[in-house]
C-alpha atoms as a PDB file:
ATOM      1  CA  MET A   1      -1.588  -3.508  -2.372  1.00  0.00           C
ATOM      2  CA  ALA A   2      -0.584  -6.507  -0.334  1.00  0.00           C
ATOM      3  CA  CYS A   3      -0.435  -5.763   3.373  1.00  0.00           C
ATOM      4  CA  PHE A   4       1.838  -6.299   6.307  1.00  0.00           C
ATOM      5  CA  ALA A   5       0.029  -6.518   9.616  1.00  0.00           C
ATOM      6  CA  GLU A   6      -0.437  -2.992  10.909  1.00  0.00           C
ATOM      7  CA  ILE A   7       2.256  -1.877  13.322  1.00  0.00           C
ATOM      8  CA  LYS A   8       1.119   0.129  16.320  1.00  0.00           C
ATOM      9  CA  LEU A   9       3.335   3.064  17.102  1.00  0.00           C
ATOM     10  CA  VAL A  10       3.584   2.387  20.801  1.00  0.00           C
ATOM     11  CA  HIS A  11       3.916  -1.385  20.766  1.00  0.00           C
ATOM     12  CA  GLY A  12       7.142  -3.236  21.425  1.00  0.00           C
ATOM     13  CA  PRO A  13      10.314  -2.157  23.179  1.00  0.00           C
ATOM     14  CA  LYS A  14      12.463   0.612  21.803  1.00  0.00           C
ATOM     15  CA  LEU A  15      15.016  -0.615  19.345  1.00  0.00           C
ATOM     16  CA  ALA A  16      18.589  -0.636  20.535  1.00  0.00           C
ATOM     17  CA  GLN A  17      20.485   2.396  19.288  1.00  0.00           C
ATOM     18  CA  ALA A  18      23.777   0.597  18.649  1.00  0.00           C
ATOM     19  CA  PRO A  19      24.713   0.479  14.954  1.00  0.00           C
ATOM     20  CA  GLU A  20      24.896  -3.333  14.973  1.00  0.00           C
ATOM     21  CA  SER A  21      21.224  -3.549  16.009  1.00  0.00           C
ATOM     22  CA  GLY A  22      20.164  -1.251  13.179  1.00  0.00           C
ATOM     23  CA  ASN A  23      22.197  -3.209  10.654  1.00  0.00           C
ATOM     24  CA  MET A  24      20.786  -6.503  11.871  1.00  0.00           C
ATOM     25  CA  GLN A  25      17.255  -5.152  11.601  1.00  0.00           C
ATOM     26  CA  ALA A  26      17.914  -3.930   8.071  1.00  0.00           C
ATOM     27  CA  ARG A  27      19.239  -7.352   7.085  1.00  0.00           C
ATOM     28  CA  HIS A  28      16.284  -9.189   8.615  1.00  0.00           C
ATOM     29  CA  LEU A  29      13.781  -6.830   7.000  1.00  0.00           C
ATOM     30  CA  ALA A  30      15.370  -7.132   3.565  1.00  0.00           C
ATOM     31  CA  GLU A  31      15.502 -10.934   3.843  1.00  0.00           C
ATOM     32  CA  ALA A  32      11.861 -11.101   4.956  1.00  0.00           C
ATOM     33  CA  LEU A  33      10.713  -8.924   2.082  1.00  0.00           C
ATOM     34  CA  MET A  34      12.673 -10.907  -0.495  1.00  0.00           C
ATOM     35  CA  LYS A  35      11.204 -14.147   0.851  1.00  0.00           C
ATOM     36  CA  GLN A  36       7.731 -12.626   0.708  1.00  0.00           C
ATOM     37  CA  GLN A  37       8.323 -11.667  -2.926  1.00  0.00           C
ATOM     38  CA  GLN A  38       9.408 -15.189  -3.816  1.00  0.00           C
ATOM     39  CA  ASN A  39       6.262 -16.650  -2.267  1.00  0.00           C
ATOM     40  CA  SER A  40       3.913 -13.901  -3.395  1.00  0.00           C
ATOM     41  CA  VAL A  41       1.260 -14.204  -6.060  1.00  0.00           C
ATOM     42  CA  THR A  42       0.563 -10.469  -6.053  1.00  0.00           C
ATOM     43  CA  GLY A  43       2.729  -9.621  -9.066  1.00  0.00           C
ATOM     44  CA  LEU A  44       0.857  -7.424 -11.532  1.00  0.00           C
ATOM     45  CA  PRO A  45       0.336  -9.032 -14.935  1.00  0.00           C
ATOM     46  CA  ALA A  46       0.563  -7.089 -18.144  1.00  0.00           C
ATOM     47  CA  SER A  47      -2.791  -5.394 -18.543  1.00  0.00           C
ATOM     48  CA  THR A  48      -4.963  -3.532 -21.010  1.00  0.00           C
ATOM     49  CA  ASP A  49      -7.087  -0.459 -20.515  1.00  0.00           C
ATOM     50  CA  SER A  50     -10.808  -0.145 -21.075  1.00  0.00           C
ATOM     51  CA  ALA A  51     -10.251   0.508 -24.762  1.00  0.00           C
ATOM     52  CA  GLY A  52      -8.332  -2.736 -25.146  1.00  0.00           C
ATOM     53  CA  ALA A  53      -4.979  -1.125 -25.950  1.00  0.00           C
ATOM     54  CA  ASP A  54      -1.837  -2.347 -24.240  1.00  0.00           C
ATOM     55  CA  GLN A  55      -0.364  -0.067 -21.611  1.00  0.00           C
ATOM     56  CA  SER A  56       2.647   1.914 -22.856  1.00  0.00           C
ATOM     57  CA  ARG A  57       5.075   0.249 -20.436  1.00  0.00           C
ATOM     58  CA  SER A  58       5.065  -3.281 -19.123  1.00  0.00           C
ATOM     59  CA  ALA A  59       3.482  -3.713 -15.699  1.00  0.00           C
ATOM     60  CA  PRO A  60       5.952  -4.153 -12.810  1.00  0.00           C
ATOM     61  CA  VAL A  61       6.409  -7.605 -11.356  1.00  0.00           C
ATOM     62  CA  ARG A  62       5.961  -6.290  -7.802  1.00  0.00           C
ATOM     63  CA  PRO A  63       4.371  -3.170  -6.285  1.00  0.00           C
ATOM     64  CA  PHE A  64       6.573  -0.129  -5.989  1.00  0.00           C
ATOM     65  CA  TRP A  65       6.297   0.084  -2.195  1.00  0.00           C
ATOM     66  CA  GLN A  66       7.871  -3.355  -1.942  1.00  0.00           C
ATOM     67  CA  ALA A  67      10.737  -2.524  -4.289  1.00  0.00           C
ATOM     68  CA  LEU A  68      11.486   0.725  -2.439  1.00  0.00           C
ATOM     69  CA  VAL A  69      11.339  -0.697   1.091  1.00  0.00           C
ATOM     70  CA  THR A  70      13.525  -3.644   0.095  1.00  0.00           C
ATOM     71  CA  HIS A  71      16.108  -1.387  -1.537  1.00  0.00           C
ATOM     72  CA  VAL A  72      16.265   1.039   1.389  1.00  0.00           C
ATOM     73  CA  ALA A  73      16.635  -1.819   3.876  1.00  0.00           C
ATOM     74  CA  GLU A  74      19.405  -3.358   1.787  1.00  0.00           C
ATOM     75  CA  GLN A  75      21.293  -0.070   1.532  1.00  0.00           C
ATOM     76  CA  ALA A  76      21.053   0.425   5.302  1.00  0.00           C
ATOM     77  CA  ARG A  77      22.691  -2.932   6.057  1.00  0.00           C
ATOM     78  CA  THR A  78      26.235  -1.631   6.291  1.00  0.00           C
ATOM     79  CA  LEU A  79      25.628   1.865   7.656  1.00  0.00           C
ATOM     80  CA  PRO A  80      25.083   2.927  11.301  1.00  0.00           C
ATOM     81  CA  VAL A  81      21.739   4.609  10.646  1.00  0.00           C
ATOM     82  CA  PRO A  82      21.067   6.993  13.560  1.00  0.00           C
ATOM     83  CA  ALA A  83      18.112   6.594  15.882  1.00  0.00           C
ATOM     84  CA  ILE A  84      15.091   8.888  15.699  1.00  0.00           C
ATOM     85  CA  ARG A  85      15.342  12.180  17.561  1.00  0.00           C
ATOM     86  CA  HIS A  86      11.755  13.298  17.092  1.00  0.00           C
ATOM     87  CA  LEU A  87       8.904  13.745  14.626  1.00  0.00           C
ATOM     88  CA  GLU A  88       8.274  17.363  13.641  1.00  0.00           C
ATOM     89  CA  LEU A  89       4.689  18.123  12.645  1.00  0.00           C
ATOM     90  CA  PRO A  90       3.677  21.382  10.947  1.00  0.00           C
ATOM     91  CA  PRO A  91       2.590  24.231  13.235  1.00  0.00           C
ATOM     92  CA  ALA A  92      -1.082  23.947  14.142  1.00  0.00           C
ATOM     93  CA  SER A  93      -1.674  27.639  13.342  1.00  0.00           C
ATOM     94  CA  PRO A  94       0.750  28.814  10.664  1.00  0.00           C
ATOM     95  CA  THR A  95       1.616  32.485  11.046  1.00  0.00           C
ATOM     96  CA  GLY A  96       4.294  32.859   8.382  1.00  0.00           C
ATOM     97  CA  THR A  97       4.472  32.616   4.618  1.00  0.00           C
ATOM     98  CA  GLY A  98       1.884  29.902   4.070  1.00  0.00           C
ATOM     99  CA  ARG A  99       0.511  26.516   4.970  1.00  0.00           C
ATOM    100  CA  ASN A 100       2.952  23.689   5.598  1.00  0.00           C
ATOM    101  CA  ASN A 101       1.706  20.341   4.278  1.00  0.00           C
ATOM    102  CA  PHE A 102       4.725  18.318   5.376  1.00  0.00           C
ATOM    103  CA  ALA A 103       6.071  16.503   8.414  1.00  0.00           C
ATOM    104  CA  ALA A 104       9.737  15.842   9.170  1.00  0.00           C
ATOM    105  CA  LEU A 105      11.363  12.857  10.855  1.00  0.00           C
ATOM    106  CA  VAL A 106      14.571  14.103  12.479  1.00  0.00           C
ATOM    107  CA  LEU A 107      17.347  11.606  13.272  1.00  0.00           C
ATOM    108  CA  ALA A 108      19.865  11.897  16.091  1.00  0.00           C
ATOM    109  CA  ASP A 109      22.582  13.269  13.797  1.00  0.00           C
ATOM    110  CA  GLY A 110      20.272  15.921  12.317  1.00  0.00           C
ATOM    111  CA  THR A 111      19.338  14.040   9.138  1.00  0.00           C
ATOM    112  CA  VAL A 112      15.771  14.923   8.097  1.00  0.00           C
ATOM    113  CA  GLY A 113      13.228  12.871   6.169  1.00  0.00           C
ATOM    114  CA  LEU A 114      10.255  14.816   4.788  1.00  0.00           C
ATOM    115  CA  THR A 115       6.797  13.511   3.964  1.00  0.00           C
ATOM    116  CA  TYR A 116       3.520  14.959   2.671  1.00  0.00           C
ATOM    117  CA  VAL A 117       0.655  14.909   5.201  1.00  0.00           C
ATOM    118  CA  ALA A 118      -2.268  16.507   3.347  1.00  0.00           C
ATOM    119  CA  LEU A 119      -3.664  13.226   1.957  1.00  0.00           C
ATOM    120  CA  ASP A 120      -6.133  10.835   3.582  1.00  0.00           C
ATOM    121  CA  ASP A 121      -6.234  12.712   6.913  1.00  0.00           C
ATOM    122  CA  ALA A 122      -2.588  11.838   7.492  1.00  0.00           C
ATOM    123  CA  LEU A 123      -1.863  14.914   9.592  1.00  0.00           C
ATOM    124  CA  ALA A 124      -4.827  14.367  11.890  1.00  0.00           C
ATOM    125  CA  GLY A 125      -3.772  10.751  12.324  1.00  0.00           C
ATOM    126  CA  LEU A 126      -0.198  11.725  13.147  1.00  0.00           C
ATOM    127  CA  ARG A 127      -1.368  14.333  15.659  1.00  0.00           C
ATOM    128  CA  ALA A 128      -3.426  11.619  17.366  1.00  0.00           C
ATOM    129  CA  GLN A 129      -0.813   8.858  17.180  1.00  0.00           C
ATOM    130  CA  ALA A 130       2.389  10.864  17.696  1.00  0.00           C
ATOM    131  CA  PRO A 131       1.562  14.046  19.618  1.00  0.00           C
ATOM    132  CA  ALA A 132       4.139  16.402  21.120  1.00  0.00           C
ATOM    133  CA  GLY A 133       6.976  15.395  18.836  1.00  0.00           C
ATOM    134  CA  GLY A 134       6.301  11.658  18.882  1.00  0.00           C
ATOM    135  CA  PRO A 135       8.048  10.679  22.131  1.00  0.00           C
ATOM    136  CA  ALA A 136       7.167   7.025  21.484  1.00  0.00           C
ATOM    137  CA  LEU A 137       9.485   7.196  18.477  1.00  0.00           C
ATOM    138  CA  THR A 138      12.473   8.787  20.176  1.00  0.00           C
ATOM    139  CA  GLY A 139      15.444   6.430  20.326  1.00  0.00           C
ATOM    140  CA  GLN A 140      13.982   3.912  17.890  1.00  0.00           C
ATOM    141  CA  SER A 141      15.587   3.017  14.589  1.00  0.00           C
ATOM    142  CA  PRO A 142      13.821   4.496  11.540  1.00  0.00           C
ATOM    143  CA  LEU A 143      14.072   0.999  10.067  1.00  0.00           C
ATOM    144  CA  ALA A 144      11.286  -0.002  12.461  1.00  0.00           C
ATOM    145  CA  LEU A 145       8.919   2.307  10.568  1.00  0.00           C
ATOM    146  CA  LEU A 146       9.556   1.153   7.004  1.00  0.00           C
ATOM    147  CA  ALA A 147       6.634  -1.282   6.924  1.00  0.00           C
ATOM    148  CA  HIS A 148       4.233   1.577   7.703  1.00  0.00           C
ATOM    149  CA  TYR A 149       4.705   2.718   4.094  1.00  0.00           C
ATOM    150  CA  GLU A 150       2.503  -0.109   2.859  1.00  0.00           C
ATOM    151  CA  ALA A 151      -0.276   0.361   5.442  1.00  0.00           C
ATOM    152  CA  SER A 152      -3.871   1.214   4.624  1.00  0.00           C
ATOM    153  CA  THR A 153      -4.117   4.436   6.656  1.00  0.00           C
ATOM    154  CA  GLY A 154      -2.785   7.790   5.551  1.00  0.00           C
ATOM    155  CA  TRP A 155      -0.819   8.597   8.696  1.00  0.00           C
ATOM    156  CA  GLN A 156       1.035   5.293   8.539  1.00  0.00           C
ATOM    157  CA  ARG A 157       1.977   5.698   4.888  1.00  0.00           C
ATOM    158  CA  SER A 158       3.222   9.224   5.561  1.00  0.00           C
ATOM    159  CA  LEU A 159       5.228   8.065   8.560  1.00  0.00           C
ATOM    160  CA  GLY A 160       6.729   5.218   6.556  1.00  0.00           C
ATOM    161  CA  MET A 161       7.642   7.664   3.784  1.00  0.00           C
ATOM    162  CA  ALA A 162       9.350   9.929   6.324  1.00  0.00           C
ATOM    163  CA  ALA A 163      11.428   6.978   7.530  1.00  0.00           C
ATOM    164  CA  ILE A 164      12.315   5.970   3.963  1.00  0.00           C
ATOM    165  CA  ASN A 165      13.405   9.510   3.186  1.00  0.00           C
ATOM    166  CA  ALA A 166      15.375   9.932   6.420  1.00  0.00           C
ATOM    167  CA  ILE A 167      17.334   6.709   5.792  1.00  0.00           C
ATOM    168  CA  SER A 168      17.763   7.668   2.139  1.00  0.00           C
ATOM    169  CA  GLN A 169      19.132  11.087   3.059  1.00  0.00           C
ATOM    170  CA  TYR A 170      21.602   9.478   5.453  1.00  0.00           C
ATOM    171  CA  VAL A 171      22.760   7.108   2.711  1.00  0.00           C
ATOM    172  CA  LEU A 172      22.995   9.908   0.130  1.00  0.00           C
ATOM    173  CA  ALA A 173      25.004  12.111   2.516  1.00  0.00           C
ATOM    174  CA  ALA A 174      27.639   9.377   2.691  1.00  0.00           C
ATOM    175  CA  GLY A 175      28.123   9.455  -1.071  1.00  0.00           C
ATOM    176  CA  ALA A 176      29.068  11.996  -3.709  1.00  0.00           C
ATOM    177  CA  PRO A 177      27.817  15.610  -3.397  1.00  0.00           C
ATOM    178  CA  LEU A 178      24.304  16.066  -4.705  1.00  0.00           C
ATOM    179  CA  GLU A 179      23.691  18.013  -7.897  1.00  0.00           C
ATOM    180  CA  PRO A 180      21.492  21.111  -7.512  1.00  0.00           C
ATOM    181  CA  MET A 181      18.153  20.969  -9.277  1.00  0.00           C
ATOM    182  CA  PRO A 182      17.804  23.517 -12.100  1.00  0.00           C
ATOM    183  CA  ASP A 183      14.748  25.660 -12.519  1.00  0.00           C
ATOM    184  CA  THR A 184      11.953  23.330 -13.616  1.00  0.00           C
ATOM    185  CA  LEU A 185      11.101  25.307 -16.753  1.00  0.00           C
ATOM    186  CA  ALA A 186      14.743  25.411 -17.803  1.00  0.00           C
ATOM    187  CA  MET A 187      14.993  21.675 -17.131  1.00  0.00           C
ATOM    188  CA  LEU A 188      12.016  20.919 -19.385  1.00  0.00           C
ATOM    189  CA  ALA A 189      13.338  23.077 -22.256  1.00  0.00           C
ATOM    190  CA  VAL A 190       9.839  23.133 -23.740  1.00  0.00           C
ATOM    191  CA  LYS A 191       9.607  23.279 -27.536  1.00  0.00           C
ATOM    192  CA  PRO A 192       6.698  24.504 -29.688  1.00  0.00           C
ATOM    193  CA  GLY A 193       4.345  21.665 -30.549  1.00  0.00           C
ATOM    194  CA  GLU A 194       5.631  19.410 -27.783  1.00  0.00           C
ATOM    195  CA  HIS A 195       3.158  17.510 -25.596  1.00  0.00           C
ATOM    196  CA  ILE A 196       3.901  17.881 -21.865  1.00  0.00           C
ATOM    197  CA  GLY A 197       2.215  15.768 -19.194  1.00  0.00           C
ATOM    198  CA  MET A 198       1.649  16.869 -15.617  1.00  0.00           C
ATOM    199  CA  VAL A 199       0.508  14.586 -12.785  1.00  0.00           C
ATOM    200  CA  GLY A 200      -0.400  16.867  -9.916  1.00  0.00           C
ATOM    201  CA  PHE A 201      -1.006  20.549 -10.503  1.00  0.00           C
ATOM    202  CA  PHE A 202       2.238  22.551 -10.739  1.00  0.00           C
ATOM    203  CA  GLY A 203       0.390  25.850 -11.038  1.00  0.00           C
ATOM    204  CA  ARG A 204       3.291  28.184 -11.766  1.00  0.00           C
ATOM    205  CA  LEU A 205       4.355  26.065 -14.767  1.00  0.00           C
ATOM    206  CA  VAL A 206       1.057  26.004 -16.643  1.00  0.00           C
ATOM    207  CA  ARG A 207       1.068  29.391 -18.364  1.00  0.00           C
ATOM    208  CA  PRO A 208       4.797  29.368 -19.266  1.00  0.00           C
ATOM    209  CA  ILE A 209       4.438  25.915 -20.856  1.00  0.00           C
ATOM    210  CA  LEU A 210       1.459  27.073 -22.908  1.00  0.00           C
ATOM    211  CA  ALA A 211       3.237  30.331 -23.793  1.00  0.00           C
ATOM    212  CA  ALA A 212       6.121  28.278 -25.207  1.00  0.00           C
ATOM    213  CA  GLY A 213       3.705  26.772 -27.726  1.00  0.00           C
ATOM    214  CA  ALA A 214       3.445  23.329 -26.122  1.00  0.00           C
ATOM    215  CA  ARG A 215       0.322  21.321 -25.455  1.00  0.00           C
ATOM    216  CA  LEU A 216      -0.255  20.443 -21.785  1.00  0.00           C
ATOM    217  CA  THR A 217      -2.222  17.553 -20.291  1.00  0.00           C
ATOM    218  CA  VAL A 218      -2.834  17.579 -16.535  1.00  0.00           C
ATOM    219  CA  ILE A 219      -3.961  14.328 -14.898  1.00  0.00           C
ATOM    220  CA  GLU A 220      -6.420  15.054 -12.114  1.00  0.00           C
ATOM    221  CA  LEU A 221      -8.174  12.838  -9.559  1.00  0.00           C
ATOM    222  CA  ASP A 222     -11.070  15.217  -8.872  1.00  0.00           C
ATOM    223  CA  PRO A 223     -13.753  15.118 -11.614  1.00  0.00           C
ATOM    224  CA  SER A 224     -14.920  18.625 -10.694  1.00  0.00           C
ATOM    225  CA  LEU A 225     -11.585  20.080 -11.837  1.00  0.00           C
ATOM    226  CA  THR A 226     -11.535  18.617 -15.344  1.00  0.00           C
ATOM    227  CA  ARG A 227     -11.714  21.132 -18.197  1.00  0.00           C
ATOM    228  CA  GLU A 228     -10.594  21.805 -21.744  1.00  0.00           C
ATOM    229  CA  GLU A 229      -8.962  25.028 -22.938  1.00  0.00           C
ATOM    230  CA  PRO A 230      -6.872  25.839 -26.001  1.00  0.00           C
ATOM    231  CA  GLY A 231      -3.657  23.884 -25.517  1.00  0.00           C
ATOM    232  CA  LEU A 232      -4.702  22.621 -22.074  1.00  0.00           C
ATOM    233  CA  SER A 233      -6.536  19.450 -21.069  1.00  0.00           C
ATOM    234  CA  VAL A 234      -7.280  18.660 -17.414  1.00  0.00           C
ATOM    235  CA  THR A 235      -8.503  15.074 -17.429  1.00  0.00           C
ATOM    236  CA  LEU A 236      -8.956  11.909 -15.391  1.00  0.00           C
ATOM    237  CA  ASP A 237      -7.670   9.802 -18.285  1.00  0.00           C
ATOM    238  CA  HIS A 238      -4.110   8.528 -17.720  1.00  0.00           C
ATOM    239  CA  ARG A 239      -4.024   7.282 -21.319  1.00  0.00           C
ATOM    240  CA  GLN A 240      -3.410  10.848 -22.423  1.00  0.00           C
ATOM    241  CA  LEU A 241       0.138  10.523 -21.078  1.00  0.00           C
ATOM    242  CA  ARG A 242       1.047   8.110 -23.876  1.00  0.00           C
ATOM    243  CA  THR A 243       1.825  10.840 -26.382  1.00  0.00           C
ATOM    244  CA  CYS A 244       3.765  13.071 -23.942  1.00  0.00           C
ATOM    245  CA  THR A 245       7.476  13.539 -24.545  1.00  0.00           C
ATOM    246  CA  SER A 246       8.037  14.886 -21.007  1.00  0.00           C
ATOM    247  CA  VAL A 247       6.012  14.222 -17.873  1.00  0.00           C
ATOM    248  CA  ILE A 248       6.234  16.023 -14.528  1.00  0.00           C
ATOM    249  CA  VAL A 249       4.985  13.879 -11.641  1.00  0.00           C
ATOM    250  CA  THR A 250       4.317  15.071  -8.108  1.00  0.00           C
ATOM    251  CA  GLY A 251       6.069  13.248  -5.274  1.00  0.00           C
ATOM    252  CA  THR A 252       2.689  12.663  -3.629  1.00  0.00           C
ATOM    253  CA  THR A 253       2.164   9.767  -6.072  1.00  0.00           C
ATOM    254  CA  LEU A 254       4.527   7.913  -3.721  1.00  0.00           C
ATOM    255  CA  LEU A 255       1.829   8.162  -1.051  1.00  0.00           C
ATOM    256  CA  ASN A 256      -1.454   7.480  -2.843  1.00  0.00           C
ATOM    257  CA  ALA A 257      -0.482   4.235  -4.606  1.00  0.00           C
ATOM    258  CA  SER A 258      -0.821   5.846  -8.040  1.00  0.00           C
ATOM    259  CA  LEU A 259       2.814   5.815  -9.198  1.00  0.00           C
ATOM    260  CA  ASP A 260       2.716   2.427 -10.944  1.00  0.00           C
ATOM    261  CA  THR A 261      -0.444   3.459 -12.801  1.00  0.00           C
ATOM    262  CA  VAL A 262       1.105   6.738 -13.900  1.00  0.00           C
ATOM    263  CA  LEU A 263       4.345   5.149 -15.079  1.00  0.00           C
ATOM    264  CA  GLY A 264       2.438   2.367 -16.828  1.00  0.00           C
ATOM    265  CA  HIS A 265       0.881   4.954 -19.128  1.00  0.00           C
ATOM    266  CA  CYS A 266       4.028   6.922 -19.963  1.00  0.00           C
ATOM    267  CA  ALA A 267       5.549   6.290 -23.366  1.00  0.00           C
ATOM    268  CA  PRO A 268       8.852   4.423 -23.591  1.00  0.00           C
ATOM    269  CA  GLY A 269      11.520   7.051 -24.071  1.00  0.00           C
ATOM    270  CA  ALA A 270       9.538   9.835 -22.387  1.00  0.00           C
ATOM    271  CA  GLN A 271      11.394  11.999 -19.904  1.00  0.00           C
ATOM    272  CA  VAL A 272       9.667  11.313 -16.576  1.00  0.00           C
ATOM    273  CA  ASN A 273      10.499  13.727 -13.772  1.00  0.00           C
ATOM    274  CA  LEU A 274       9.360  12.876 -10.223  1.00  0.00           C
ATOM    275  CA  LEU A 275       9.588  16.051  -8.152  1.00  0.00           C
ATOM    276  CA  GLY A 276       8.936  17.204  -4.599  1.00  0.00           C
ATOM    277  CA  PRO A 277      10.140  16.856  -0.993  1.00  0.00           C
ATOM    278  CA  SER A 278       8.349  13.511  -0.614  1.00  0.00           C
ATOM    279  CA  ALA A 279      10.511  12.178  -3.457  1.00  0.00           C
ATOM    280  CA  SER A 280      13.702  12.545  -1.368  1.00  0.00           C
ATOM    281  CA  CYS A 281      14.295   8.804  -1.421  1.00  0.00           C
ATOM    282  CA  LEU A 282      16.870   6.503  -2.960  1.00  0.00           C
ATOM    283  CA  ALA A 283      16.199   6.626  -6.682  1.00  0.00           C
ATOM    284  CA  GLU A 284      17.286   3.237  -8.036  1.00  0.00           C
ATOM    285  CA  PRO A 285      13.831   1.592  -7.760  1.00  0.00           C
ATOM    286  CA  LEU A 286      12.375   4.613  -9.563  1.00  0.00           C
ATOM    287  CA  PHE A 287      14.972   4.488 -12.320  1.00  0.00           C
ATOM    288  CA  ALA A 288      14.211   0.786 -12.781  1.00  0.00           C
ATOM    289  CA  ARG A 289      10.565   1.722 -13.421  1.00  0.00           C
ATOM    290  CA  GLY A 290      11.399   4.314 -16.037  1.00  0.00           C
ATOM    291  CA  VAL A 291      11.698   7.547 -14.055  1.00  0.00           C
ATOM    292  CA  THR A 292      14.523   9.544 -15.613  1.00  0.00           C
ATOM    293  CA  ARG A 293      14.955  12.297 -13.011  1.00  0.00           C
ATOM    294  CA  VAL A 294      14.148  12.509  -9.292  1.00  0.00           C
ATOM    295  CA  GLY A 295      14.062  15.935  -7.671  1.00  0.00           C
ATOM    296  CA  GLY A 296      14.207  15.894  -3.873  1.00  0.00           C
ATOM    297  CA  PHE A 297      15.137  18.104  -0.933  1.00  0.00           C
ATOM    298  CA  GLN A 298      18.054  17.768   1.456  1.00  0.00           C
ATOM    299  CA  VAL A 299      18.144  19.723   4.725  1.00  0.00           C
ATOM    300  CA  ARG A 300      21.602  21.261   5.101  1.00  0.00           C
ATOM    301  CA  ASP A 301      21.194  23.147   8.416  1.00  0.00           C
ATOM    302  CA  THR A 302      18.858  21.262  10.744  1.00  0.00           C
ATOM    303  CA  GLU A 303      18.541  23.880  13.480  1.00  0.00           C
ATOM    304  CA  ALA A 304      17.926  26.683  10.981  1.00  0.00           C
ATOM    305  CA  PHE A 305      15.419  24.427   9.215  1.00  0.00           C
ATOM    306  CA  LEU A 306      13.528  23.753  12.456  1.00  0.00           C
ATOM    307  CA  ALA A 307      13.496  27.446  13.398  1.00  0.00           C
ATOM    308  CA  LEU A 308      12.024  28.375  10.017  1.00  0.00           C
ATOM    309  CA  TRP A 309       9.592  25.454  10.169  1.00  0.00           C
ATOM    310  CA  ARG A 310       8.276  26.319  13.631  1.00  0.00           C
ATOM    311  CA  GLY A 311       7.999  29.985  12.719  1.00  0.00           C
ATOM    312  CA  GLY A 312       5.895  29.237   9.664  1.00  0.00           C
ATOM    313  CA  GLN A 313       8.635  30.579   7.393  1.00  0.00           C
ATOM    314  CA  ARG A 314      10.156  29.305   4.147  1.00  0.00           C
ATOM    315  CA  TRP A 315      12.039  26.247   5.437  1.00  0.00           C
ATOM    316  CA  ARG A 316      13.311  25.389   1.946  1.00  0.00           C
ATOM    317  CA  ASP A 317      15.908  28.140   2.472  1.00  0.00           C
ATOM    318  CA  ALA A 318      17.726  25.810   4.906  1.00  0.00           C
ATOM    319  CA  GLY A 319      18.401  23.103   2.353  1.00  0.00           C
ATOM    320  CA  LEU A 320      19.152  22.051  -1.197  1.00  0.00           C
ATOM    321  CA  ARG A 321      16.721  21.212  -3.954  1.00  0.00           C
ATOM    322  CA  TYR A 322      18.682  18.515  -5.774  1.00  0.00           C
ATOM    323  CA  GLN A 323      18.337  16.103  -8.666  1.00  0.00           C
ATOM    324  CA  LEU A 324      19.282  12.485  -9.278  1.00  0.00           C
ATOM    325  CA  ILE A 325      19.405  11.453 -12.936  1.00  0.00           C
ATOM    326  CA  ALA A 326      19.072   7.909 -14.226  1.00  0.00           C
ATOM    327  CA  PRO A 327      22.386   6.571 -15.550  1.00  0.00           C
ATOM    328  CA  ALA A 328      22.671   6.180 -19.310  1.00  0.00           C
ATOM    329  CA  GLY A 329      21.503   2.770 -20.422  1.00  0.00           C
ATOM    330  CA  VAL A 330      19.141   2.112 -17.496  1.00  0.00           C
ATOM    331  CA  ALA A 331      16.098   0.600 -19.193  1.00  0.00           C
ATOM    332  CA  ALA A 332      12.546   1.421 -18.264  1.00  0.00           C
ATOM    333  CA  GLY A 333      10.709  -1.644 -17.112  1.00  0.00           C
ATOM    334  CA  ALA A 334       9.711  -3.834 -14.218  1.00  0.00           C
ATOM    335  CA  ALA A 335      11.611  -3.710 -10.946  1.00  0.00           C
END
């Protein structure tokens, strides 16, 4: 990925909290990114795999991070995006229902942006860079953190994703009510003989998909986890996605720079479902790349959410698991 200069968390004065300052920053950021795109030579050409076959979808003309950051900045131009209240990290010693692998950027109005922190030592980096709730962030505009999404370190990418999701949730809250996400198995409506793809291991779905008579391919990054069973293939080979009619993709692909690769191997016309709290962003750049459904999470009661979070309890009970569906006629392709 092309890089911005790294942004230190504690450098520079706090951004003014007035809405006009946030809007001006959004405009300047969007203009700078668009200018960078015009001058850039980092567009990805159409490519072939090691076997010489063309990828199933055309390669995007710019990296996804750039398309997403530009779109979020553009959408924030006309809205008074609230300043940051604090950064909520998972409890150091969970005592409740299970481990929490997420962090939450909380804005002054209670809007929450979630991000995954169990990749590339992101959580350790955030604990070092933004301890005790990230006081260096308090009062700043989340727009100031967008460029972190492209950075080379895990904690910066996770922080940038939290900012993207917080701004996105603020924008979405100003629009039409969100549609609840159906049960994932019901959404897939698996048919006998169908080939389902899975990027990231959605453990509870594996046996029901196989029991429905479908064939399942799971794309894995760890060679030690690859295996073959009747109806099930766990492989490193993204090319296996080409014959899948439906693909379930974890939201963590937004954080490990693998999304463009995954989408580049999905068949035109396949139903591509990007799911998870980290995918709680504005969906238009994803739709433009061929994603057909985005499943995210919206916090509905911030104080209840924080109480559950800090107590190691099921914080998803304080919000809505929702879906955004690509409009009819939106073509898969470069963004």
